[in-house]
Amino acid sequence: MNQAHYDYLVVGAGLTGAVFADAAKKAGKSVLVIEARDHIAGNVYTEPTEGIHVHKYGAHIFHTSLEPVWRYVNRFAEFNNYVNCPVALYKGTIYNMPFNMNTFSKMWGVVTPDEALAKINEQRAEITGEPQNLEEQAISLVGRDIFEALVKGYTEKQWGRDCKDLPASIIKRLPVRLTYDNNYFNDRWQGIPMGGYTKMVANMFGDTEVLLNTEYRSFIAEHPGIADRTIYCGTIDGFYDFELGTLEYRSLRFETERIASDNWQGNAVVNYNEREVPWTRIIEHKHFEFCLNDQGEPVKDAEGKPVTYITREYPADWHPGDEPYYPLNNERNSELYQRYVERSKQDGDIVFAGRLGGYQYYDMDKCIDAAFDLVKNELGIDLRA
């Protein structure tokens, strides 16, 4: 450490920690960041591997309609023009995602939007009244055929339970388009930071002091009173030793494989929608940057031979000690989280922030936007200005 005392201790070197540390440093505050992992950038971490930036914790495509957020991230990285167009593989047939005219044409042989809408309306008619669960909600949006092939198996793998036992709210924003547009997102801006997310986050931290492989509890035991204020981006229940109970999550497991190929699956993201296939999707990382390395050349290994890296993504039950990815925002967990929030009000020198501190799943832009609120509340600086 460079000094014995700091204005701020930031726990977690992901996007929230990086936004806050950058703003605090520029405001003249002294900041120390600690991170339990052996790298910065949290779940958006990309690892340079033979000229390919491997997304170690799943696919991350930056997209936003928030102009201040887009302006902000472009201060730290140049973005390419990657557009997310995932496809779904179901029983040997490829379908386009999100559900659009290409999907409906492949599924039903329809050609026009009116034909597709008529088919959807025919099938969604089986749901009367307000949908009571995810299955009913999905059928009311896209009909029985699409639900059975492209929603049911994938969703049940992702959440580890039957669609009838999942809340309708999970899928209310399911994108359905009566156009032949394969762009998954509707946002104005989209892309991947050239050089990878890790480089972008490193630029955000700048010369801020960051200690890796550092657990908060053991660190603070050795350095009590190290900072006036703490921005804590870990789990709120973990901070309090689960004294009120344990918040629940879904977890993920990743298997990455090196393959001697220029182009193994033809797309960055391929979903596997059959319940019987254990993984939910396979990512081929080089497609995020158009199969080019940082020099803009086709990716080859050291001997000039083809190389690619793929990652299979497996949903997993979460147990304490596992990496938490998706909060289970049911009634029980929401009530428990609020009890922890009330508990935290007794501690005036700590602020819980980020995905884990707020027990909320964020897209990257929403994470940064929430960090803007944190900066304004804590430092009085408006990063949206």
Protein backbone atom coordinates (compact mmCIF):
# COMPACT_ATOMS: atom_id res chain seq x y z
CA MET A 1 0.00 0.00 0.00
CA ASN A 2 1.17 3.50 -0.77
CA GLN A 3 -0.15 5.04 2.45
CA ALA A 4 -1.55 4.15 5.86
CA HIS A 5 -4.98 5.74 5.44
CA TYR A 6 -7.35 6.48 2.55
CA ASP A 7 -10.50 8.45 1.99
CA TYR A 8 -12.11 5.46 0.32
CA LEU A 9 -11.68 1.71 0.33
CA VAL A 10 -13.40 0.19 -2.72
CA VAL A 11 -14.09 -3.53 -2.40
CA GLY A 12 -14.37 -5.05 -5.89
CA ALA A 13 -12.52 -4.14 -9.08
CA GLY A 14 -15.42 -4.53 -11.50
CA LEU A 15 -17.33 -1.84 -13.37
CA THR A 16 -18.92 -0.24 -10.31
CA GLY A 17 -15.61 -0.04 -8.47
CA ALA A 18 -13.87 1.34 -11.56
CA VAL A 19 -16.43 4.09 -12.16
CA PHE A 20 -16.31 5.18 -8.53
CA ALA A 21 -12.54 4.99 -8.20
CA ASP A 22 -12.05 7.06 -11.36
CA ALA A 23 -14.44 9.77 -10.14
CA ALA A 24 -13.07 9.81 -6.59
CA LYS A 25 -9.46 10.12 -7.76
CA LYS A 26 -10.34 12.97 -10.09
CA ALA A 27 -12.10 14.64 -7.17
CA GLY A 28 -8.83 14.57 -5.24
CA LYS A 29 -9.74 11.69 -2.95
CA SER A 30 -7.30 8.96 -1.97
CA VAL A 31 -8.59 5.54 -3.04
CA LEU A 32 -7.53 1.97 -2.42
CA VAL A 33 -9.20 -0.88 -4.32
CA ILE A 34 -9.08 -4.49 -3.17
CA GLU A 35 -10.21 -7.47 -5.24
CA ALA A 36 -10.57 -11.10 -4.16
CA ARG A 37 -9.89 -12.47 -7.65
CA ASP A 38 -6.52 -12.42 -9.38
CA HIS A 39 -7.67 -9.91 -12.00
CA ILE A 40 -9.59 -6.68 -12.42
CA ALA A 41 -12.81 -6.16 -14.46
CA GLY A 42 -15.08 -8.53 -12.55
CA ASN A 43 -17.34 -10.64 -14.73
CA VAL A 44 -16.53 -8.62 -17.87
CA TYR A 45 -12.90 -9.78 -17.63
CA THR A 46 -11.40 -10.74 -20.98
CA GLU A 47 -8.17 -12.73 -21.12
CA PRO A 48 -5.85 -12.28 -24.12
CA THR A 49 -5.18 -15.80 -25.44
CA GLU A 50 -3.26 -16.30 -28.70
CA GLY A 51 -4.63 -13.06 -30.09
CA ILE A 52 -8.21 -13.76 -28.95
CA HIS A 53 -9.90 -11.92 -26.08
CA VAL A 54 -11.63 -14.74 -24.22
CA HIS A 55 -14.71 -13.68 -22.24
CA LYS A 56 -13.97 -15.70 -19.11
CA TYR A 57 -17.39 -15.29 -17.50
CA GLY A 58 -19.68 -15.53 -20.50
CA ALA A 59 -20.52 -13.34 -23.45
CA HIS A 60 -20.61 -9.59 -22.76
CA ILE A 61 -21.85 -7.33 -25.54
CA PHE A 62 -22.06 -3.67 -24.61
CA HIS A 63 -25.32 -2.03 -25.65
CA THR A 64 -27.10 1.07 -24.43
CA SER A 65 -29.52 3.84 -25.25
CA LEU A 66 -28.16 5.95 -22.41
CA GLU A 67 -26.15 8.68 -24.12
CA PRO A 68 -24.18 9.72 -20.99
CA VAL A 69 -23.11 6.11 -20.44
CA TRP A 70 -22.04 5.69 -24.07
CA ARG A 71 -20.12 8.95 -23.93
CA TYR A 72 -18.47 7.85 -20.69
CA VAL A 73 -17.23 4.42 -21.82
CA ASN A 74 -15.85 5.89 -25.03
CA ARG A 75 -13.46 7.91 -22.90
CA PHE A 76 -11.72 4.65 -22.00
CA ALA A 77 -12.07 2.47 -25.09
CA GLU A 78 -12.75 2.52 -28.80
CA PHE A 79 -15.68 0.26 -29.64
CA ASN A 80 -16.01 -1.85 -32.76
CA ASN A 81 -19.30 -2.23 -34.63
CA TYR A 82 -20.17 -5.75 -33.46
CA VAL A 83 -23.92 -6.42 -33.51
CA ASN A 84 -25.33 -9.26 -31.42
CA CYS A 85 -27.19 -11.73 -33.65
CA PRO A 86 -27.32 -15.01 -31.70
CA VAL A 87 -28.87 -18.14 -33.19
CA ALA A 88 -30.61 -21.08 -31.53
CA LEU A 89 -30.02 -24.74 -32.31
CA TYR A 90 -32.99 -27.01 -31.64
CA LYS A 91 -33.04 -30.63 -32.80
CA GLY A 92 -30.62 -29.96 -35.64
CA THR A 93 -32.32 -26.80 -36.94
CA ILE A 94 -31.00 -23.26 -36.58
CA TYR A 95 -33.43 -20.48 -35.67
CA ASN A 96 -32.78 -16.76 -35.39
CA MET A 97 -32.89 -14.95 -32.07
CA PRO A 98 -34.63 -12.77 -31.09
CA PHE A 99 -37.91 -14.15 -32.40
CA ASN A 100 -38.45 -12.40 -35.71
CA MET A 101 -39.68 -13.06 -39.23
CA ASN A 102 -36.71 -15.33 -39.93
CA THR A 103 -37.69 -17.43 -36.90
CA PHE A 104 -41.36 -17.58 -37.86
CA SER A 105 -40.57 -18.36 -41.49
CA LYS A 106 -38.36 -21.28 -40.46
CA MET A 107 -40.89 -22.53 -37.90
CA TRP A 108 -44.11 -22.18 -39.90
CA GLY A 109 -43.21 -21.42 -43.52
CA VAL A 110 -44.84 -17.97 -43.32
CA VAL A 111 -43.50 -15.06 -45.36
CA THR A 112 -45.34 -11.89 -44.37
CA PRO A 113 -45.84 -10.23 -40.99
CA ASP A 114 -49.61 -10.69 -41.28
CA GLU A 115 -49.16 -14.44 -41.75
CA ALA A 116 -46.83 -14.67 -38.77
CA LEU A 117 -49.14 -12.61 -36.55
CA ALA A 118 -52.12 -14.73 -37.51
CA LYS A 119 -50.23 -17.88 -36.49
CA ILE A 120 -49.12 -16.34 -33.20
CA ASN A 121 -52.65 -15.11 -32.43
CA GLU A 122 -54.07 -18.54 -33.18
CA GLN A 123 -51.71 -20.18 -30.69
CA ARG A 124 -51.72 -17.52 -27.99
CA ALA A 125 -55.50 -17.81 -27.73
CA GLU A 126 -55.11 -20.82 -25.41
CA ILE A 127 -54.10 -18.40 -22.64
CA THR A 128 -57.06 -16.53 -21.19
CA GLY A 129 -56.74 -13.97 -18.46
CA GLU A 130 -53.52 -12.72 -16.90
CA PRO A 131 -50.61 -15.18 -17.32
CA GLN A 132 -49.82 -16.82 -13.97
CA ASN A 133 -46.36 -18.20 -14.71
CA LEU A 134 -43.55 -18.07 -17.23
CA GLU A 135 -45.03 -20.76 -19.48
CA GLU A 136 -48.33 -18.95 -19.81
CA GLN A 137 -46.57 -15.62 -20.33
CA ALA A 138 -44.37 -17.01 -23.12
CA ILE A 139 -47.29 -18.68 -24.91
CA SER A 140 -49.28 -15.45 -24.68
CA LEU A 141 -46.39 -13.68 -26.42
CA VAL A 142 -45.25 -16.12 -29.13
CA GLY A 143 -47.54 -19.16 -29.09
CA ARG A 144 -47.10 -22.81 -28.18
CA ASP A 145 -44.70 -23.87 -30.98
CA ILE A 146 -42.06 -21.24 -30.27
CA PHE A 147 -42.42 -21.81 -26.55
CA GLU A 148 -41.87 -25.58 -26.78
CA ALA A 149 -38.89 -25.33 -29.16
CA LEU A 150 -37.06 -22.16 -28.16
CA VAL A 151 -38.16 -21.10 -24.67
CA LYS A 152 -39.03 -24.09 -22.50
CA GLY A 153 -35.82 -26.15 -22.49
CA TYR A 154 -33.43 -23.21 -22.41
CA THR A 155 -35.30 -21.48 -19.60
CA GLU A 156 -35.63 -24.61 -17.47
CA LYS A 157 -31.90 -25.23 -17.80
CA GLN A 158 -31.12 -21.62 -16.96
CA TRP A 159 -33.24 -21.48 -13.81
CA GLY A 160 -33.22 -25.12 -12.74
CA ARG A 161 -36.99 -25.41 -12.43
CA ASP A 162 -40.11 -25.99 -14.53
CA CYS A 163 -41.49 -23.02 -16.48
CA LYS A 164 -44.78 -23.44 -14.63
CA ASP A 165 -42.91 -22.75 -11.39
CA LEU A 166 -41.23 -19.55 -12.61
CA PRO A 167 -42.81 -16.08 -12.40
CA ALA A 168 -44.22 -14.51 -15.55
CA SER A 169 -42.14 -11.39 -14.92
CA ILE A 170 -38.91 -13.12 -16.02
CA ILE A 171 -40.00 -13.17 -19.66
CA LYS A 172 -42.31 -10.18 -20.01
CA ARG A 173 -39.73 -8.31 -22.08
CA LEU A 174 -39.15 -11.21 -24.48
CA PRO A 175 -38.30 -9.51 -27.81
CA VAL A 176 -40.74 -10.40 -30.62
CA ARG A 177 -40.39 -8.67 -33.97
CA LEU A 178 -42.41 -8.86 -37.16
CA THR A 179 -39.37 -7.85 -39.22
CA TYR A 180 -36.36 -9.70 -40.63
CA ASP A 181 -34.00 -7.86 -38.26
CA ASN A 182 -31.63 -10.25 -36.47
CA ASN A 183 -30.13 -7.63 -34.13
CA TYR A 184 -30.96 -8.89 -30.64
CA PHE A 185 -30.88 -5.46 -29.01
CA ASN A 186 -32.97 -2.39 -29.70
CA ASP A 187 -30.44 0.00 -28.21
CA ARG A 188 -28.97 2.91 -30.16
CA TRP A 189 -25.33 1.97 -29.47
CA GLN A 190 -23.68 -1.43 -29.44
CA GLY A 191 -20.21 -2.93 -29.72
CA ILE A 192 -17.19 -4.56 -28.09
CA PRO A 193 -14.27 -2.50 -26.73
CA MET A 194 -11.30 -3.00 -29.02
CA GLY A 195 -8.52 -4.63 -27.04
CA GLY A 196 -11.01 -6.25 -24.66
CA TYR A 197 -12.95 -5.23 -21.57
CA THR A 198 -9.98 -5.73 -19.26
CA LYS A 199 -8.06 -3.02 -21.11
CA MET A 200 -11.05 -0.68 -20.85
CA VAL A 201 -11.40 -1.23 -17.10
CA ALA A 202 -7.64 -0.82 -16.61
CA ASN A 203 -7.94 2.57 -18.32
CA MET A 204 -10.77 3.46 -15.94
CA PHE A 205 -8.65 2.64 -12.90
CA GLY A 206 -5.64 4.47 -14.32
CA ASP A 207 -3.05 4.81 -11.55
CA THR A 208 -5.48 3.92 -8.76
CA GLU A 209 -3.88 1.47 -6.35
CA VAL A 210 -5.45 -2.01 -6.76
CA LEU A 211 -4.60 -5.02 -4.59
CA LEU A 212 -5.55 -8.37 -6.17
CA ASN A 213 -6.03 -11.71 -4.38
CA THR A 214 -7.18 -9.74 -1.35
CA GLU A 215 -10.18 -10.83 0.71
CA TYR A 216 -11.98 -8.04 2.51
CA ARG A 217 -12.41 -9.75 5.87
CA SER A 218 -8.79 -10.76 6.35
CA PHE A 219 -7.56 -7.44 4.92
CA ILE A 220 -9.68 -5.31 7.23
CA ALA A 221 -8.63 -7.45 10.20
CA GLU A 222 -5.02 -6.56 9.42
CA HIS A 223 -5.79 -2.92 8.57
CA PRO A 224 -8.68 -1.71 10.75
CA GLY A 225 -9.70 1.86 10.05
CA ILE A 226 -7.81 1.88 6.74
CA ALA A 227 -10.36 4.25 5.18
CA ASP A 228 -12.97 6.80 6.17
CA ARG A 229 -15.56 5.27 3.84
CA THR A 230 -16.02 1.87 2.19
CA ILE A 231 -17.73 1.19 -1.12
CA TYR A 232 -18.57 -2.51 -0.85
CA CYS A 233 -19.40 -4.35 -4.09
CA GLY A 234 -19.59 -7.84 -2.60
CA THR A 235 -22.67 -9.64 -1.30
CA ILE A 236 -24.50 -7.77 1.42
CA ASP A 237 -25.47 -10.94 3.30
CA GLY A 238 -21.88 -12.19 3.15
CA PHE A 239 -20.67 -8.94 4.66
CA TYR A 240 -22.88 -9.59 7.69
CA ASP A 241 -21.89 -13.26 7.94
CA PHE A 242 -25.38 -14.30 6.80
CA GLU A 243 -26.74 -13.38 10.22
CA LEU A 244 -30.27 -12.80 8.86
CA GLY A 245 -30.18 -15.63 6.33
CA THR A 246 -28.64 -16.40 2.94
CA LEU A 247 -29.73 -14.73 -0.30
CA GLU A 248 -30.10 -17.15 -3.21
CA TYR A 249 -28.60 -17.08 -6.70
CA ARG A 250 -28.18 -19.15 -9.82
CA SER A 251 -24.60 -19.87 -10.76
CA LEU A 252 -22.73 -20.77 -13.94
CA ARG A 253 -19.91 -23.10 -14.92
CA PHE A 254 -17.68 -22.54 -17.96
CA GLU A 255 -15.65 -25.01 -20.00
CA THR A 256 -13.25 -23.41 -22.48
CA GLU A 257 -11.65 -25.43 -25.29
CA ARG A 258 -8.92 -24.63 -27.80
CA ILE A 259 -9.71 -25.83 -31.34
CA ALA A 260 -7.55 -25.81 -34.45
CA SER A 261 -10.03 -23.98 -36.67
CA ASP A 262 -10.45 -20.62 -38.35
CA ASN A 263 -14.20 -20.65 -37.79
CA TRP A 264 -15.76 -23.41 -35.69
CA GLN A 265 -19.44 -22.44 -35.37
CA GLY A 266 -19.88 -19.41 -37.62
CA ASN A 267 -21.27 -17.11 -34.95
CA ALA A 268 -20.21 -15.63 -31.62
CA VAL A 269 -23.17 -17.09 -29.71
CA VAL A 270 -25.15 -20.25 -30.44
CA ASN A 271 -27.89 -21.17 -27.96
CA TYR A 272 -28.73 -24.83 -27.37
CA ASN A 273 -32.42 -24.90 -26.59
CA GLU A 274 -33.07 -28.60 -26.02
CA ARG A 275 -33.50 -29.52 -22.37
CA GLU A 276 -31.40 -32.65 -22.90
CA VAL A 277 -28.28 -30.69 -23.94
CA PRO A 278 -26.56 -29.77 -20.65
CA TRP A 279 -25.15 -26.41 -21.74
CA THR A 280 -27.24 -23.37 -22.64
CA ARG A 281 -24.89 -21.86 -25.20
CA ILE A 282 -21.49 -22.03 -26.83
CA ILE A 283 -19.45 -18.88 -27.36
CA GLU A 284 -16.77 -18.62 -30.05
CA HIS A 285 -14.85 -15.62 -28.81
CA LYS A 286 -12.99 -14.54 -31.94
CA HIS A 287 -16.27 -13.59 -33.65
CA PHE A 288 -16.75 -10.71 -31.20
CA GLU A 289 -13.89 -9.00 -33.00
CA PHE A 290 -14.52 -10.40 -36.47
CA CYS A 291 -11.84 -13.11 -36.11
CA LEU A 292 -9.10 -10.46 -36.06
CA ASN A 293 -6.36 -9.86 -33.51
CA ASP A 294 -5.38 -6.48 -32.05
CA GLN A 295 -3.37 -5.74 -35.19
CA GLY A 296 -6.41 -6.32 -37.38
CA GLU A 297 -5.00 -9.55 -38.82
CA PRO A 298 -6.70 -12.97 -38.99
CA VAL A 299 -6.06 -14.86 -35.74
CA LYS A 300 -3.44 -17.61 -36.04
CA ASP A 301 -1.32 -19.43 -33.48
CA ALA A 302 2.45 -18.92 -33.08
CA GLU A 303 3.09 -21.29 -36.00
CA GLY A 304 0.64 -19.52 -38.28
CA LYS A 305 -1.99 -22.26 -37.98
CA PRO A 306 -5.72 -21.73 -37.42
CA VAL A 307 -6.85 -21.40 -33.81
CA THR A 308 -10.09 -20.58 -32.05
CA TYR A 309 -11.44 -20.78 -28.51
CA ILE A 310 -14.96 -21.83 -27.57
CA THR A 311 -16.68 -21.82 -24.19
CA ARG A 312 -19.61 -23.99 -23.17
CA GLU A 313 -21.81 -22.33 -20.55
CA TYR A 314 -23.58 -24.54 -18.00
CA PRO A 315 -26.19 -23.21 -15.57
CA ALA A 316 -25.64 -24.50 -12.05
CA ASP A 317 -27.29 -24.57 -8.68
CA TRP A 318 -25.71 -22.08 -6.33
CA HIS A 319 -24.34 -22.94 -2.91
CA PRO A 320 -22.55 -20.62 -0.47
CA GLY A 321 -18.99 -20.31 -1.68
CA ASP A 322 -19.94 -20.61 -5.37
CA GLU A 323 -19.76 -17.63 -7.68
CA PRO A 324 -23.15 -15.82 -7.57
CA TYR A 325 -24.41 -14.71 -10.99
CA TYR A 326 -28.19 -14.30 -11.13
CA PRO A 327 -30.15 -13.14 -8.06
CA LEU A 328 -33.35 -15.09 -7.47
CA ASN A 329 -35.61 -12.10 -6.93
CA ASN A 330 -38.57 -13.94 -5.47
CA GLU A 331 -40.64 -12.73 -2.52
CA ARG A 332 -38.51 -14.50 0.09
CA ASN A 333 -35.20 -13.08 -1.19
CA SER A 334 -36.56 -9.60 -1.78
CA GLU A 335 -37.82 -9.40 1.80
CA LEU A 336 -34.52 -10.75 3.14
CA TYR A 337 -32.53 -8.24 1.10
CA GLN A 338 -34.59 -5.36 2.50
CA ARG A 339 -33.88 -6.61 6.01
CA TYR A 340 -30.16 -6.45 5.22
CA VAL A 341 -30.60 -2.92 3.85
CA GLU A 342 -32.20 -1.91 7.14
CA ARG A 343 -29.38 -3.62 9.00
CA SER A 344 -26.80 -1.72 6.96
CA LYS A 345 -28.25 1.63 8.04
CA GLN A 346 -26.57 1.06 11.39
CA ASP A 347 -23.20 1.35 9.63
CA GLY A 348 -22.78 4.91 8.42
CA ASP A 349 -19.34 4.52 6.87
CA ILE A 350 -20.14 1.75 4.35
CA VAL A 351 -22.13 1.86 1.11
CA PHE A 352 -23.27 -1.33 -0.64
CA ALA A 353 -23.16 -1.04 -4.41
CA GLY A 354 -23.08 -2.94 -7.68
CA ARG A 355 -24.72 -6.17 -8.75
CA LEU A 356 -23.97 -8.06 -5.54
CA GLY A 357 -24.27 -5.21 -3.07
CA GLY A 358 -27.64 -4.30 -4.55
CA TYR A 359 -28.79 -7.91 -5.13
CA GLN A 360 -29.80 -7.03 -8.67
CA TYR A 361 -28.89 -8.28 -12.12
CA TYR A 362 -27.56 -5.41 -14.28
CA ASP A 363 -26.75 -5.10 -17.94
CA MET A 364 -23.39 -3.37 -18.21
CA ASP A 365 -24.82 0.02 -19.12
CA LYS A 366 -27.31 -0.09 -16.25
CA CYS A 367 -24.47 -1.05 -13.90
CA ILE A 368 -22.51 2.01 -15.00
CA ASP A 369 -25.60 4.21 -14.79
CA ALA A 370 -26.23 3.01 -11.22
CA ALA A 371 -22.59 3.81 -10.45
CA PHE A 372 -23.26 7.34 -11.71
CA ASP A 373 -25.92 7.62 -8.99
CA LEU A 374 -23.43 6.31 -6.44
CA VAL A 375 -20.88 8.94 -7.50
CA LYS A 376 -23.44 11.73 -7.31
CA ASN A 377 -24.73 10.67 -3.91
CA GLU A 378 -21.27 10.12 -2.44
CA LEU A 379 -19.13 12.76 -4.16
CA GLY A 380 -21.66 15.28 -5.46
CA ILE A 381 -20.36 14.81 -9.02
CA ASP A 382 -22.79 14.44 -11.94
CA LEU A 383 -21.18 12.14 -14.49
CA ARG A 384 -24.22 12.52 -16.76
CA ALA A 385 -23.56 16.22 -17.29
